C-alpha cells in the first residue's frame, strides 16, 4: 500500500478502508457523487502532474512532449472509465487489456523520466 494513495482513496471510497486491517472502516464515499468525484480526481491528478512539472525546473522543456502524452493518455482512460458502459461479464479480454494499458502507462512514465534524465546530463 502507498500511503499517499490511501488518502486519495479515503476521499472517494465508501467506508471500506482500514488503517490496520480492522475496524474502524473509513471512506467519504464521493464515488456516489460523480459531479464531485470527477472534478476532484482530475484536480488531484492535475495537481500531481503540475507539482512534478514545477520540480523539473530547467528540464521543463525537455519533458513537455512526453508529459503531454502521459497526461493525455491518463485523461482518455479516465474518460473511458466514466463514460463507457460497465462490463456485464468479465472474460479474459478485460484483465489482458488492463495489463496492456498499465504497461503503456509505465512506458509513458518511463519516457517522461528518461527525458528528464537526459536533460539533466
Foldseek 3Di string as FASTA:
>chain_A
DDVVVVVVQQAAPDQQDDDPPDDDGGHPNCVVPCVVNVVVVVVVVVVVLVVVLVVLPPLNVQLVVLSVVLNVLVVVVVCCVPPPDDDPDDDPVVVVVVVVSVVVNVVSVVSSVVSSVVVVD
